[in-house]
């Protein structure tokens, strides 16, 4: 479950939000820095915030929740096929 994975901040949320961004396939997002907030609902608590490192474990947990029918509040792509990341 995604809310059991500890966040790994890399940039401040403000810096990540205003940084140049790009959309990448989920398969290419691990190791990148998030530029969006994603909150599985329920419980509606952000699992990803701008500036946090996207890990394989976190992405796998979120995709599992999406497949199980959880709504991905805040996600630019609620299917989680793509994610918004800070441009490298």
C-alpha atoms as a PDB file:
ATOM      1  CA  UNK A   1       0.000   0.000   0.000  1.00  0.00           C
ATOM      2  CA  UNK A   2       1.382   3.351  -1.054  1.00  0.00           C
ATOM      3  CA  UNK A   3       0.799   5.171   2.238  1.00  0.00           C
ATOM      4  CA  UNK A   4       3.242   2.809   4.000  1.00  0.00           C
ATOM      5  CA  UNK A   5       6.159   3.944   1.825  1.00  0.00           C
ATOM      6  CA  UNK A   6       8.165   6.848   3.259  1.00  0.00           C
ATOM      7  CA  UNK A   7       8.644   9.882   1.010  1.00  0.00           C
ATOM      8  CA  UNK A   8      12.133  10.781  -0.146  1.00  0.00           C
ATOM      9  CA  UNK A   9      12.271  14.554  -0.724  1.00  0.00           C
ATOM     10  CA  UNK A  10      14.771  15.717  -3.335  1.00  0.00           C
ATOM     11  CA  UNK A  11      13.554  19.272  -4.039  1.00  0.00           C
ATOM     12  CA  UNK A  12      11.280  21.606  -2.143  1.00  0.00           C
ATOM     13  CA  UNK A  13       7.663  21.315  -3.285  1.00  0.00           C
ATOM     14  CA  UNK A  14       7.836  24.898  -4.584  1.00  0.00           C
ATOM     15  CA  UNK A  15      11.005  24.302  -6.611  1.00  0.00           C
ATOM     16  CA  UNK A  16       9.591  21.117  -8.113  1.00  0.00           C
ATOM     17  CA  UNK A  17       6.226  22.709  -8.913  1.00  0.00           C
ATOM     18  CA  UNK A  18       7.805  25.628 -10.778  1.00  0.00           C
ATOM     19  CA  UNK A  19      10.628  23.638 -12.432  1.00  0.00           C
ATOM     20  CA  UNK A  20      10.465  22.694 -16.113  1.00  0.00           C
ATOM     21  CA  UNK A  21       8.396  19.511 -16.372  1.00  0.00           C
ATOM     22  CA  UNK A  22       7.698  16.689 -18.739  1.00  0.00           C
ATOM     23  CA  UNK A  23       5.286  13.784 -18.925  1.00  0.00           C
ATOM     24  CA  UNK A  24       6.948  10.360 -19.045  1.00  0.00           C
ATOM     25  CA  UNK A  25       5.624   6.803 -19.285  1.00  0.00           C
ATOM     26  CA  UNK A  26       5.229   5.203 -15.860  1.00  0.00           C
ATOM     27  CA  UNK A  27       7.879   2.636 -16.798  1.00  0.00           C
ATOM     28  CA  UNK A  28      10.414   5.484 -17.123  1.00  0.00           C
ATOM     29  CA  UNK A  29       9.386   7.430 -13.994  1.00  0.00           C
ATOM     30  CA  UNK A  30      11.353   5.495 -11.341  1.00  0.00           C
ATOM     31  CA  UNK A  31      14.316   7.538 -10.185  1.00  0.00           C
ATOM     32  CA  UNK A  32      12.759  10.799 -11.367  1.00  0.00           C
ATOM     33  CA  UNK A  33      11.446  13.679  -9.237  1.00  0.00           C
ATOM     34  CA  UNK A  34       7.674  14.152  -9.068  1.00  0.00           C
ATOM     35  CA  UNK A  35       6.164  17.389 -10.356  1.00  0.00           C
ATOM     36  CA  UNK A  36       2.580  16.563  -9.324  1.00  0.00           C
ATOM     37  CA  UNK A  37       0.591  15.426  -6.314  1.00  0.00           C
ATOM     38  CA  UNK A  38      -1.080  12.028  -6.357  1.00  0.00           C
ATOM     39  CA  UNK A  39      -3.445  11.010  -3.570  1.00  0.00           C
ATOM     40  CA  UNK A  40      -5.138   7.607  -3.718  1.00  0.00           C
ATOM     41  CA  UNK A  41      -8.737   7.999  -2.613  1.00  0.00           C
ATOM     42  CA  UNK A  42      -9.518   6.474  -0.239  1.00  0.00           C
ATOM     43  CA  UNK A  43      -7.836   7.585   2.002  1.00  0.00           C
ATOM     44  CA  UNK A  44      -7.180  10.808   0.040  1.00  0.00           C
ATOM     45  CA  UNK A  45      -3.779  11.441   1.624  1.00  0.00           C
ATOM     46  CA  UNK A  46      -1.025  12.341  -0.884  1.00  0.00           C
ATOM     47  CA  UNK A  47       1.320   9.449  -1.585  1.00  0.00           C
ATOM     48  CA  UNK A  48       3.377  11.629  -3.934  1.00  0.00           C
ATOM     49  CA  UNK A  49       4.066  15.336  -3.647  1.00  0.00           C
ATOM     50  CA  UNK A  50       6.111  17.586  -5.926  1.00  0.00           C
ATOM     51  CA  UNK A  51       9.813  17.255  -5.174  1.00  0.00           C
ATOM     52  CA  UNK A  52       9.722  13.636  -4.012  1.00  0.00           C
ATOM     53  CA  UNK A  53      11.680  10.810  -5.576  1.00  0.00           C
ATOM     54  CA  UNK A  54       9.531   8.336  -7.499  1.00  0.00           C
ATOM     55  CA  UNK A  55      10.596   4.825  -6.527  1.00  0.00           C
ATOM     56  CA  UNK A  56       9.693   1.533  -8.146  1.00  0.00           C
ATOM     57  CA  UNK A  57       8.006   0.351  -4.923  1.00  0.00           C
ATOM     58  CA  UNK A  58       5.852   3.471  -4.728  1.00  0.00           C
ATOM     59  CA  UNK A  59       4.896   3.376  -8.406  1.00  0.00           C
ATOM     60  CA  UNK A  60       4.012  -0.324  -8.197  1.00  0.00           C
ATOM     61  CA  UNK A  61       1.853   0.269  -5.108  1.00  0.00           C
ATOM     62  CA  UNK A  62       0.024   3.167  -6.753  1.00  0.00           C
ATOM     63  CA  UNK A  63      -0.618   1.230  -9.953  1.00  0.00           C
ATOM     64  CA  UNK A  64      -1.963  -1.681  -7.869  1.00  0.00           C
ATOM     65  CA  UNK A  65      -4.341   0.699  -6.105  1.00  0.00           C
ATOM     66  CA  UNK A  66      -5.455   2.234  -9.413  1.00  0.00           C
ATOM     67  CA  UNK A  67      -6.150  -1.226 -10.845  1.00  0.00           C
ATOM     68  CA  UNK A  68      -8.157  -2.038  -7.695  1.00  0.00           C
ATOM     69  CA  UNK A  69     -10.387   0.958  -8.387  1.00  0.00           C
ATOM     70  CA  UNK A  70      -8.925   3.667  -6.156  1.00  0.00           C
ATOM     71  CA  UNK A  71      -9.341   7.157  -7.564  1.00  0.00           C
ATOM     72  CA  UNK A  72      -6.002   8.946  -8.071  1.00  0.00           C
ATOM     73  CA  UNK A  73      -6.868  12.466  -6.923  1.00  0.00           C
ATOM     74  CA  UNK A  74      -4.597  15.208  -8.246  1.00  0.00           C
ATOM     75  CA  UNK A  75      -2.940  13.024 -10.871  1.00  0.00           C
ATOM     76  CA  UNK A  76      -2.637  14.614 -14.310  1.00  0.00           C
ATOM     77  CA  UNK A  77      -3.195  11.122 -15.724  1.00  0.00           C
ATOM     78  CA  UNK A  78      -5.524   9.205 -13.353  1.00  0.00           C
ATOM     79  CA  UNK A  79      -4.664   5.932 -15.103  1.00  0.00           C
ATOM     80  CA  UNK A  80      -1.024   6.415 -14.010  1.00  0.00           C
ATOM     81  CA  UNK A  81       0.149   5.348 -17.464  1.00  0.00           C
ATOM     82  CA  UNK A  82       2.173   8.577 -17.461  1.00  0.00           C
ATOM     83  CA  UNK A  83       3.491  10.829 -14.698  1.00  0.00           C
ATOM     84  CA  UNK A  84       4.522  14.449 -14.559  1.00  0.00           C
ATOM     85  CA  UNK A  85       8.173  14.786 -13.509  1.00  0.00           C
ATOM     86  CA  UNK A  86      10.811  17.481 -13.213  1.00  0.00           C
ATOM     87  CA  UNK A  87      12.671  17.714 -16.502  1.00  0.00           C
ATOM     88  CA  UNK A  88      16.117  16.144 -16.174  1.00  0.00           C
END
